[in-house]
Protein backbone atom coordinates (compact mmCIF):
# COMPACT_ATOMS: atom_id res chain seq x y z
CA MET A 1 196.64 -31.46 60.99
CA ASN A 2 199.63 -33.36 62.33
CA ALA A 3 202.42 -32.78 60.12
CA ALA A 4 203.90 -36.26 60.30
CA PHE A 5 200.26 -37.80 58.79
CA MET A 6 200.00 -37.50 55.13
CA PRO A 7 195.97 -37.98 53.99
CA GLY A 8 195.47 -40.88 50.88
CA PRO A 9 195.06 -39.58 47.64
CA ALA A 10 191.09 -39.80 47.57
CA ALA A 11 190.90 -37.81 51.02
CA LEU A 12 193.38 -34.91 50.31
CA ARG A 13 191.07 -33.05 48.35
CA GLU A 14 189.38 -32.64 52.07
CA VAL A 15 192.04 -31.07 53.05
CA PRO A 16 191.09 -27.53 53.66
CA LEU A 17 193.18 -25.24 52.08
CA GLY A 18 195.16 -22.66 53.72
CA ARG A 19 196.86 -23.30 56.84
CA ALA A 20 195.69 -26.51 57.29
CA ALA A 21 197.47 -27.84 53.83
CA ARG A 22 200.84 -26.43 54.97
CA ALA A 23 201.35 -29.94 56.73
CA LEU A 24 201.10 -31.64 52.95
CA TRP A 25 204.84 -29.72 52.60
CA THR A 26 207.84 -29.62 55.02
CA LEU A 27 207.98 -25.51 55.10
CA ARG A 28 208.16 -23.36 58.40
CA GLU A 29 205.50 -22.74 60.16
CA ASP A 30 206.56 -18.96 61.51
CA ALA A 31 206.93 -17.23 58.27
CA SER A 32 204.71 -16.09 55.61
CA LEU A 33 205.88 -17.75 52.34
CA LEU A 34 204.52 -15.85 49.65
CA ASN A 35 207.33 -15.81 47.00
CA HIS A 36 206.26 -19.62 45.51
CA GLY A 37 206.52 -18.52 42.05
CA ALA A 38 210.63 -18.18 42.59
CA ARG A 39 211.72 -21.85 43.54
CA GLY A 40 208.49 -23.63 44.49
CA ALA A 41 207.79 -25.73 47.38
CA VAL A 42 208.10 -29.69 46.98
CA PRO A 43 205.52 -31.78 48.91
CA ARG A 44 206.24 -33.93 51.21
CA VAL A 45 204.72 -36.89 49.04
CA VAL A 46 206.88 -35.68 46.01
CA GLN A 47 210.58 -35.75 48.70
CA GLN A 48 209.55 -39.12 49.93
CA GLU A 49 209.43 -40.17 46.18
CA GLN A 50 212.64 -38.76 45.11
CA GLU A 51 214.40 -39.61 48.06
CA ARG A 52 212.93 -43.08 47.20
CA LEU A 53 214.41 -43.20 43.72
CA ARG A 54 217.96 -41.65 45.23
CA ALA A 55 217.90 -44.76 47.48
CA GLY A 56 217.55 -47.24 44.40
CA MET A 57 219.93 -45.30 42.72
CA GLU A 58 222.45 -46.17 45.05
CA ARG A 59 221.19 -49.76 46.08
CA HIS A 60 221.86 -50.72 42.03
CA PRO A 61 223.42 -47.54 40.30
CA ASP A 62 223.84 -50.23 36.53
CA ALA A 63 220.39 -50.79 37.13
CA PHE A 64 219.10 -47.37 37.69
CA PHE A 65 220.71 -45.85 34.85
CA ALA A 66 219.58 -48.73 32.34
CA ARG A 67 216.30 -47.29 32.98
CA ILE A 68 217.70 -43.85 31.58
CA GLU A 69 219.21 -44.55 28.50
CA PRO A 70 217.52 -44.30 25.09
CA SER A 71 219.12 -47.96 24.08
CA GLY A 72 217.03 -49.83 26.94
CA THR A 73 213.97 -51.68 27.21
CA GLU A 74 212.25 -49.16 29.89
CA ARG A 75 213.31 -45.60 28.60
CA ALA A 76 211.96 -43.77 31.84
CA PRO A 77 212.18 -40.33 30.58
CA ARG A 78 210.05 -40.76 27.85
CA ALA A 79 207.05 -42.37 30.02
CA VAL A 80 207.64 -38.67 32.30
CA ALA A 81 207.74 -37.12 29.05
CA ALA A 82 204.24 -38.32 28.38
CA ALA A 83 202.40 -37.73 31.64
CA ILE A 84 203.97 -34.11 31.42
CA ALA A 85 202.61 -33.93 28.14
CA ARG A 86 198.83 -35.05 29.00
CA MET A 87 198.68 -31.45 31.19
CA VAL A 88 200.11 -29.00 28.59
CA GLY A 89 198.09 -30.52 25.31
CA THR A 90 200.75 -32.29 23.61
CA SER A 91 202.38 -35.92 22.65
CA GLY A 92 205.33 -36.83 24.54
CA GLU A 93 207.24 -37.01 21.97
CA ARG A 94 207.42 -33.24 21.61
CA ILE A 95 208.77 -32.91 24.42
CA ALA A 96 212.65 -32.90 25.83
CA LEU A 97 213.22 -32.92 29.82
CA VAL A 98 215.59 -29.65 30.71
CA GLU A 99 216.97 -28.87 33.87
CA ASN A 100 215.29 -25.32 34.04
CA ALA A 101 214.00 -22.69 31.43
CA THR A 102 217.11 -20.99 31.28
CA SER A 103 219.04 -24.28 30.61
CA GLY A 104 215.90 -25.29 27.32
CA VAL A 105 216.78 -21.46 26.26
CA GLN A 106 219.97 -22.14 25.97
CA ALA A 107 220.05 -24.72 23.89
CA VAL A 108 217.59 -23.50 21.24
CA LEU A 109 219.75 -20.43 21.26
CA ASP A 110 222.80 -22.98 20.71
CA SER A 111 221.00 -24.96 18.11
CA LEU A 112 219.83 -21.93 15.97
CA PRO A 113 222.06 -19.88 13.37
CA PHE A 114 222.52 -16.33 13.72
CA GLY A 115 225.12 -13.91 11.97
CA GLN A 116 225.50 -10.66 11.11
CA GLY A 117 222.37 -8.70 10.45
CA ASP A 118 220.28 -11.06 12.16
CA ALA A 119 218.25 -9.72 15.98
CA ILE A 120 216.61 -11.65 18.59
CA LEU A 121 213.62 -9.91 19.83
CA VAL A 122 213.13 -10.25 23.28
CA THR A 123 211.27 -7.27 25.74
CA GLU A 124 212.41 -5.47 28.74
CA LEU A 125 210.10 -7.60 30.84
CA GLN A 126 212.54 -11.04 30.03
CA TYR A 127 214.09 -12.61 32.82
CA ASN A 128 217.76 -11.37 33.49
CA ALA A 129 219.19 -14.85 32.89
CA VAL A 130 217.29 -15.71 29.60
CA ARG A 131 218.43 -11.88 28.41
CA LEU A 132 222.29 -12.65 29.61
CA ALA A 133 222.04 -15.70 27.36
CA VAL A 134 220.63 -13.60 24.54
CA GLU A 135 223.14 -11.28 24.55
CA ALA A 136 225.87 -14.17 24.85
CA ARG A 137 224.72 -15.31 21.87
CA CYS A 138 224.37 -12.27 19.93
CA ARG A 139 228.31 -11.29 21.00
CA GLU A 140 229.40 -15.03 19.50
CA THR A 141 227.27 -14.95 16.10
CA GLY A 142 227.15 -11.17 15.62
CA ALA A 143 223.31 -11.11 15.76
CA THR A 144 222.08 -7.65 17.92
CA PRO A 145 219.58 -8.76 20.46
CA LEU A 146 216.90 -6.73 20.00
CA VAL A 147 215.23 -5.27 22.99
CA VAL A 148 211.24 -4.05 23.28
CA ARG A 149 210.63 -1.30 25.47
CA LEU A 150 207.22 -1.77 27.13
CA PRO A 151 205.93 1.67 29.85
CA LEU A 152 204.71 -0.06 33.40
CA PRO A 153 201.54 0.28 34.51
CA LEU A 154 201.58 -3.10 31.20
CA ASP A 155 198.28 -3.02 29.14
CA GLU A 156 197.86 -5.19 26.37
CA ASP A 157 197.18 -2.98 23.57
CA THR A 158 200.29 -1.57 24.01
CA VAL A 159 202.05 -4.61 24.66
CA VAL A 160 200.93 -6.16 21.21
CA GLU A 161 201.85 -2.68 19.40
CA ARG A 162 205.20 -2.74 20.45
CA VAL A 163 206.15 -6.16 19.87
CA LEU A 164 205.12 -5.90 16.67
CA ASP A 165 206.33 -2.95 15.47
CA ALA A 166 209.36 -3.55 16.38
CA ALA A 167 209.46 -7.12 14.44
CA GLY A 168 210.79 -6.47 11.47
CA PRO A 169 212.54 -8.51 8.87
CA GLN A 170 215.53 -8.28 10.32
CA VAL A 171 214.56 -10.69 13.35
CA LYS A 172 215.24 -13.94 13.43
CA LEU A 173 214.09 -15.39 17.05
CA ALA A 174 210.89 -13.66 18.91
CA LEU A 175 211.64 -14.94 22.34
CA LEU A 176 208.80 -14.22 24.68
CA ASP A 177 207.45 -14.37 27.98
CA HIS A 178 204.44 -16.14 28.71
CA ILE A 179 203.96 -14.90 32.11
CA SER A 180 206.78 -11.91 33.18
CA SER A 181 208.20 -13.04 35.91
CA GLY A 182 209.17 -9.41 38.05
CA THR A 183 205.86 -7.78 36.48
CA ALA A 184 203.38 -10.75 36.70
CA MET A 185 201.52 -10.51 33.37
CA ARG A 186 200.38 -12.69 31.05
CA LEU A 187 201.05 -11.56 27.54
CA PRO A 188 198.98 -11.69 25.25
CA LEU A 189 200.54 -14.55 23.31
CA GLU A 190 197.66 -15.57 21.38
CA ARG A 191 197.41 -11.78 19.41
CA ILE A 192 200.97 -11.85 19.19
CA ALA A 193 202.24 -15.26 18.05
CA PRO A 194 200.00 -15.88 15.44
CA GLU A 195 200.94 -12.24 13.85
CA LEU A 196 204.83 -12.94 14.00
CA ARG A 197 204.94 -16.59 12.48
CA ARG A 198 202.83 -15.05 9.63
CA ARG A 199 205.85 -12.70 9.21
CA GLY A 200 208.22 -15.73 9.30
CA ILE A 201 209.59 -15.14 12.39
CA PRO A 202 210.19 -18.30 14.23
CA VAL A 203 208.39 -18.07 18.12
CA PHE A 204 210.05 -18.97 21.01
CA ILE A 205 207.98 -19.00 24.36
CA ASP A 206 209.47 -18.90 27.98
CA GLY A 207 206.43 -20.38 30.48
CA ALA A 208 208.84 -20.68 33.41
CA HIS A 209 206.00 -19.53 35.20
CA ALA A 210 203.17 -20.69 33.44
CA VAL A 211 203.07 -24.50 33.52
CA GLY A 212 200.61 -25.57 36.08
CA GLN A 213 200.04 -22.13 36.76
CA ILE A 214 197.49 -21.60 34.02
CA PRO A 215 195.83 -24.57 31.21
CA LEU A 216 197.70 -25.17 28.30
CA ASP A 217 197.27 -26.91 24.64
CA LEU A 218 201.11 -26.25 23.23
CA ASP A 219 199.75 -28.14 19.83
CA ALA A 220 197.20 -24.78 19.56
CA LEU A 221 199.75 -22.29 19.95
CA PRO A 222 201.08 -20.92 16.58
CA VAL A 223 204.64 -21.04 18.80
CA ASP A 224 208.38 -23.24 17.74
CA TRP A 225 209.49 -23.62 20.90
CA TYR A 226 207.65 -23.53 24.62
CA VAL A 227 209.98 -23.85 27.64
CA GLY A 228 208.95 -24.27 31.09
CA ASN A 229 209.44 -24.79 34.64
CA LEU A 230 208.08 -27.93 36.86
CA HIS A 231 209.55 -27.06 40.32
CA LYS A 232 207.55 -23.70 40.37
CA TRP A 233 203.45 -23.98 40.02
CA GLY A 234 203.95 -28.01 38.62
CA TYR A 235 205.34 -29.09 42.00
CA ALA A 236 208.09 -31.17 41.33
CA PRO A 237 211.40 -31.10 42.28
CA ARG A 238 214.15 -28.52 41.39
CA GLY A 239 215.97 -29.51 38.08
CA SER A 240 212.60 -30.06 36.27
CA ALA A 241 211.34 -28.75 33.38
CA LEU A 242 210.09 -29.43 29.79
CA LEU A 243 211.27 -28.25 26.09
CA TYR A 244 208.23 -28.42 23.80
CA ALA A 245 209.30 -28.18 20.38
CA ALA A 246 206.77 -27.99 17.34
CA PRO A 247 207.13 -30.47 14.59
CA GLY A 248 208.63 -28.22 11.96
CA ALA A 249 210.78 -27.16 14.49
CA ALA A 250 211.94 -30.07 16.04
CA SER A 251 214.98 -31.50 13.71
CA LEU A 252 216.62 -28.55 14.56
CA THR A 253 217.08 -28.89 18.16
CA ARG A 254 220.00 -30.36 19.92
CA PRO A 255 221.16 -30.75 23.91
CA LEU A 256 223.79 -28.06 25.59
CA LEU A 257 225.54 -31.37 25.92
CA VAL A 258 227.26 -33.69 22.79
CA SER A 259 226.26 -37.35 24.66
CA HIS A 260 226.05 -40.60 23.01
CA TYR A 261 222.46 -40.77 21.82
CA ILE A 262 223.27 -37.55 20.00
CA GLY A 263 222.05 -39.02 16.73
CA GLN A 264 218.45 -40.08 18.29
CA GLY A 265 217.55 -35.92 17.58
CA PHE A 266 215.05 -34.34 19.66
CA PRO A 267 213.84 -35.56 22.42
CA HIS A 268 215.93 -38.49 22.65
CA SER A 269 219.50 -36.81 22.53
CA PHE A 270 217.96 -35.23 25.50
CA ASP A 271 217.17 -37.81 27.74
CA TYR A 272 220.81 -38.97 28.78
CA THR A 273 223.76 -37.11 29.41
CA GLY A 274 225.47 -39.29 31.60
CA SER A 275 226.03 -39.98 35.14
CA ARG A 276 223.70 -37.50 36.76
CA ASP A 277 221.39 -37.48 39.37
CA TYR A 278 217.62 -37.91 36.92
CA THR A 279 215.82 -38.50 40.54
CA ALA A 280 214.45 -34.96 39.78
CA TRP A 281 212.49 -35.89 36.33
CA LEU A 282 211.66 -39.17 37.50
CA ALA A 283 209.83 -37.79 40.52
CA ILE A 284 207.64 -35.52 38.26
CA PRO A 285 204.71 -38.28 37.70
CA ARG A 286 204.17 -37.92 41.36
CA ALA A 287 204.36 -34.32 41.38
CA LEU A 288 201.36 -34.24 38.90
CA ALA A 289 199.77 -36.98 40.32
CA PHE A 290 199.62 -34.57 44.17
CA ARG A 291 198.70 -31.36 41.77
CA GLU A 292 194.87 -33.41 41.16
CA GLU A 293 194.46 -35.05 43.89
CA LEU A 294 194.71 -31.66 45.57
CA GLY A 295 192.44 -30.46 43.01
CA VAL A 296 193.35 -28.18 40.46
CA GLN A 297 190.49 -26.18 39.89
CA ARG A 298 189.69 -26.06 43.64
CA VAL A 299 193.47 -24.59 44.58
CA ARG A 300 193.44 -22.41 41.18
CA ALA A 301 190.07 -20.47 42.20
CA TYR A 302 191.66 -20.03 45.91
CA CYS A 303 194.90 -18.82 44.44
CA ALA A 304 192.12 -16.20 42.80
CA ASP A 305 190.50 -14.90 45.96
CA LEU A 306 194.01 -14.69 47.77
CA VAL A 307 195.53 -12.42 44.33
CA LEU A 308 191.88 -10.34 44.73
CA ALA A 309 192.25 -9.77 48.64
CA GLY A 310 195.77 -9.42 48.31
CA SER A 311 195.48 -6.53 45.72
CA THR A 312 192.73 -5.34 47.57
CA ALA A 313 195.20 -4.51 51.07
CA LEU A 314 197.87 -3.52 49.45
CA GLN A 315 196.08 -1.12 46.72
CA ARG A 316 194.58 0.75 50.49
CA ILE A 317 198.54 1.46 51.21
CA GLY A 318 199.13 2.98 47.77
CA ALA A 319 200.76 -0.09 45.87
CA ARG A 320 199.66 -0.09 42.00
CA PRO A 321 199.14 -2.80 40.14
CA VAL A 322 201.50 -3.32 37.30
CA ALA A 323 199.02 -4.91 35.07
CA PRO A 324 195.37 -5.67 35.28
CA LEU A 325 193.65 -8.14 37.40
CA ALA A 326 193.59 -11.59 35.87
CA ALA A 327 191.63 -14.48 37.06
CA ASP A 328 193.67 -17.26 36.39
CA LEU A 329 196.63 -15.73 37.50
CA ALA A 330 197.91 -16.96 41.03
CA MET A 331 200.55 -14.20 41.26
CA ARG A 332 200.40 -10.34 41.33
CA ALA A 333 202.88 -7.65 40.84
CA PHE A 334 202.67 -3.65 42.07
CA LEU A 335 204.61 -0.40 41.76
CA LEU A 336 205.50 1.19 44.80
CA PRO A 337 205.60 4.56 44.18
CA GLN A 338 209.02 6.70 44.87
CA VAL A 339 209.84 10.57 44.77
CA ARG A 340 212.95 9.73 42.81
CA PRO A 341 214.21 6.55 40.46
CA ALA A 342 214.25 2.85 41.94
CA THR A 343 217.47 1.34 42.64
CA ASP A 344 219.02 -2.41 43.33
CA ALA A 345 219.13 -1.62 46.78
CA ASP A 346 216.09 -0.06 47.78
CA ALA A 347 214.56 -3.42 46.35
CA ALA A 348 217.05 -4.92 49.35
CA VAL A 349 215.69 -3.29 51.88
CA VAL A 350 211.81 -3.96 51.06
CA THR A 351 213.36 -7.87 51.42
CA ARG A 352 215.62 -7.51 54.03
CA GLU A 353 213.49 -5.80 56.43
CA LEU A 354 210.22 -7.40 55.66
CA TRP A 355 211.74 -10.79 56.56
CA ASN A 356 213.74 -9.40 59.35
CA GLN A 357 210.50 -7.45 60.73
CA ALA A 358 207.77 -9.57 59.81
CA ARG A 359 208.86 -12.80 58.82
CA ILE A 360 207.30 -12.56 54.98
CA GLN A 361 208.89 -13.86 52.03
CA VAL A 362 207.98 -11.45 49.13
CA ARG A 363 210.09 -10.45 45.83
CA CYS A 364 211.04 -7.02 45.54
CA ALA A 365 213.09 -6.29 42.45
CA ARG A 366 213.39 -2.61 40.26
CA GLN A 367 212.56 -2.74 36.98
CA GLY A 368 213.59 0.00 35.29
CA SER A 369 213.49 3.21 37.08
CA ALA A 370 210.29 1.22 38.75
CA LEU A 371 210.47 -0.99 42.30
CA LEU A 372 207.84 -3.77 41.98
CA LEU A 373 206.83 -6.04 45.05
CA ARG A 374 205.25 -9.49 43.47
CA PHE A 375 203.29 -11.95 45.93
CA CYS A 376 202.33 -15.70 45.61
CA ALA A 377 199.15 -17.59 45.86
CA GLN A 378 199.04 -21.29 46.42
CA ALA A 379 197.01 -23.96 48.48
CA TYR A 380 199.26 -23.49 51.26
CA VAL A 381 198.69 -19.67 51.83
CA GLU A 382 196.22 -17.96 54.43
CA ALA A 383 193.88 -14.85 53.46
CA ASP A 384 194.96 -13.30 56.72
CA GLU A 385 199.41 -13.19 55.58
CA LEU A 386 198.25 -10.97 52.26
CA ALA A 387 196.38 -9.05 55.26
CA ALA A 388 199.75 -8.91 56.74
CA LEU A 389 202.15 -8.21 53.82
CA ALA A 390 200.23 -5.00 53.65
CA ALA A 391 200.22 -4.27 56.90
CA ALA A 392 203.60 -4.29 57.05
CA MET A 393 204.20 -2.79 54.03
CA ASP A 394 202.54 0.63 55.72
CA ARG A 395 204.18 0.03 58.71
CA LEU A 396 207.43 -0.28 57.64
CA GLY A 397 207.20 1.85 54.19
CA TRP A 398 210.11 1.58 51.22
CA PRO A 399 212.78 3.75 50.72
CA ALA A 400 211.64 7.14 49.13
CA ARG A 401 207.84 6.05 49.65
CA GLN A 402 205.75 8.53 48.14
């Protein structure tokens, strides 16, 4: 397909997934980009929509910002929230727009009163920026970060047991991943969250990798807050994320910045925080429409096949899955066995050599003493790229390979 040609919405479902679909993005053609979960990739039509919106902002700034302010007649962020809500199983009035999952986490942490003797429960799988935010909030308030250790490889029963064993009366907030970033494991929230709430512990879920990757029904989840990025698996521009607050939690939740509409409460107080660029938010409906036009179930099934193929190829060279195969996840992580504990430098070597020697982009990182490799499937990825990943790993090896 010619990269300059963009099929209409009805024709998108006819575009073969894999290499042919890459023309729907502006991604370079000479590399295997297997790290979609890190920063996403914005489709051409969504880039064009944001450019159109930005041009309108510059053509008449006052009129543009009048669309954003909660006091205006259009209140454009509320229409965006309603579009998101239809995808994640809630109403727009339970969704605030934020820049990314980390800023949503920070807003909730800053909204809650913690003190001496209190604890905020997280697991060691938690995304580093979120972990640092928890530690900072604890230093400010005298609370303690309670980190649940989880052995690798992971299994659901151990996760449930260790989290619930740690959830004592001192825990004033449990902050858990839905899908952990480094290990690409879907945590069994349906087993953990109800018990936490039964114990009176508020539950906050970091769904940075879940929104768009797996089906969601937020109103059916027994959680108080849920935050998720839209620039990863929702195809939206970067700077696009949601913060959900259940009815009992909404009145507690304040934005990071106090601005003109702070008195309107959640979610309206999040909508306008001054003269920033809101075009990423306003382009979200076009991104969600692209997702539907491409075919949500079609892409999920395609990615499931890719993950299976990639898993088989990596296991042949000795890589070990971190968690059991999940049919609804478009990414998977593997332990790279070593004869000594892993270092951050080991991970940097793997990432650098795969790129320099094979033009393959993946995520490799240290998790505790283990070296983890994670790859992501996506509509623009071809099966032979995953076979090439395994072949390159086997040829190049990794530090202290076992």
